[in-house]
C-alpha atoms as a PDB file:
ATOM      1  CA  UNK A   1       0.020   0.107  -0.005  1.00  0.00           C
ATOM      2  CA  UNK A   2       2.231   2.775  -1.135  1.00  0.00           C
ATOM      3  CA  UNK A   3       1.458   6.156   0.335  1.00  0.00           C
ATOM      4  CA  UNK A   4      -0.781   4.561   3.041  1.00  0.00           C
ATOM      5  CA  UNK A   5       2.016   3.769   5.574  1.00  0.00           C
ATOM      6  CA  UNK A   6       1.377   4.855   9.235  1.00  0.00           C
ATOM      7  CA  UNK A   7       2.509   8.235   9.846  1.00  0.00           C
ATOM      8  CA  UNK A   8       5.355   8.672  12.265  1.00  0.00           C
ATOM      9  CA  UNK A   9       3.118  11.394  14.000  1.00  0.00           C
ATOM     10  CA  UNK A  10       0.650  10.760  16.775  1.00  0.00           C
ATOM     11  CA  UNK A  11      -2.838  10.274  15.142  1.00  0.00           C
ATOM     12  CA  UNK A  12      -4.323  12.925  17.582  1.00  0.00           C
ATOM     13  CA  UNK A  13      -1.796  15.528  16.509  1.00  0.00           C
ATOM     14  CA  UNK A  14      -2.103  14.677  12.754  1.00  0.00           C
ATOM     15  CA  UNK A  15      -5.746  15.224  12.944  1.00  0.00           C
ATOM     16  CA  UNK A  16      -5.166  18.734  14.376  1.00  0.00           C
ATOM     17  CA  UNK A  17      -2.429  19.943  11.986  1.00  0.00           C
ATOM     18  CA  UNK A  18      -3.371  22.232   9.133  1.00  0.00           C
ATOM     19  CA  UNK A  19      -1.495  23.878   6.220  1.00  0.00           C
ATOM     20  CA  UNK A  20       0.145  27.087   7.285  1.00  0.00           C
ATOM     21  CA  UNK A  21      -0.698  28.603   3.879  1.00  0.00           C
ATOM     22  CA  UNK A  22      -4.258  27.663   3.377  1.00  0.00           C
ATOM     23  CA  UNK A  23      -5.351  26.440   6.832  1.00  0.00           C
ATOM     24  CA  UNK A  24      -6.716  23.206   5.245  1.00  0.00           C
ATOM     25  CA  UNK A  25      -6.106  19.745   6.723  1.00  0.00           C
ATOM     26  CA  UNK A  26      -2.897  17.937   5.825  1.00  0.00           C
ATOM     27  CA  UNK A  27      -2.699  14.284   4.981  1.00  0.00           C
ATOM     28  CA  UNK A  28       0.196  11.814   5.446  1.00  0.00           C
ATOM     29  CA  UNK A  29       1.887  10.748   2.153  1.00  0.00           C
ATOM     30  CA  UNK A  30       4.061   7.665   3.089  1.00  0.00           C
ATOM     31  CA  UNK A  31       5.626   7.611  -0.331  1.00  0.00           C
ATOM     32  CA  UNK A  32       7.004  11.161   0.162  1.00  0.00           C
ATOM     33  CA  UNK A  33       7.395  10.826   3.824  1.00  0.00           C
ATOM     34  CA  UNK A  34       5.752  14.152   4.145  1.00  0.00           C
ATOM     35  CA  UNK A  35       2.560  15.907   5.138  1.00  0.00           C
ATOM     36  CA  UNK A  36       0.715  17.067   1.999  1.00  0.00           C
ATOM     37  CA  UNK A  37      -1.521  20.018   1.514  1.00  0.00           C
ATOM     38  CA  UNK A  38      -3.605  19.369  -1.517  1.00  0.00           C
ATOM     39  CA  UNK A  39      -4.905  22.989  -1.600  1.00  0.00           C
ATOM     40  CA  UNK A  40      -1.544  24.565  -1.554  1.00  0.00           C
ATOM     41  CA  UNK A  41       0.189  21.948  -3.666  1.00  0.00           C
ATOM     42  CA  UNK A  42       2.993  21.562  -0.999  1.00  0.00           C
ATOM     43  CA  UNK A  43       4.671  18.652   0.875  1.00  0.00           C
ATOM     44  CA  UNK A  44       5.995  19.439   4.338  1.00  0.00           C
ATOM     45  CA  UNK A  45       8.757  17.200   5.609  1.00  0.00           C
ATOM     46  CA  UNK A  46       8.653  15.235   8.835  1.00  0.00           C
ATOM     47  CA  UNK A  47      11.948  15.038  10.486  1.00  0.00           C
ATOM     48  CA  UNK A  48      12.483  12.615  13.504  1.00  0.00           C
ATOM     49  CA  UNK A  49       8.694  12.566  13.894  1.00  0.00           C
ATOM     50  CA  UNK A  50       8.414  16.305  14.016  1.00  0.00           C
ATOM     51  CA  UNK A  51       6.435  18.071  11.243  1.00  0.00           C
ATOM     52  CA  UNK A  52       8.237  20.934   9.663  1.00  0.00           C
ATOM     53  CA  UNK A  53       5.437  23.325   8.784  1.00  0.00           C
ATOM     54  CA  UNK A  54       7.675  26.169   7.350  1.00  0.00           C
ATOM     55  CA  UNK A  55       6.898  27.172   3.758  1.00  0.00           C
ATOM     56  CA  UNK A  56      10.519  27.487   2.680  1.00  0.00           C
ATOM     57  CA  UNK A  57      11.077  23.836   3.693  1.00  0.00           C
ATOM     58  CA  UNK A  58       8.052  22.566   1.791  1.00  0.00           C
ATOM     59  CA  UNK A  59       8.392  20.953  -1.647  1.00  0.00           C
ATOM     60  CA  UNK A  60       5.937  21.744  -4.507  1.00  0.00           C
ATOM     61  CA  UNK A  61       3.950  18.662  -5.680  1.00  0.00           C
END
């Protein structure tokens, strides 16, 4: 199941996180190892289990 691996983030926290640009929910993309904002077209990295929700660290998708 590519892209459906369990996120290295607590599910409770993942449910609360939103994109810093659009304020829309983020989804875990296991293939990228990142939190994805479909609305902004950005993938935010997760480093050592910590989401890096800084726009300059995001990758365009």
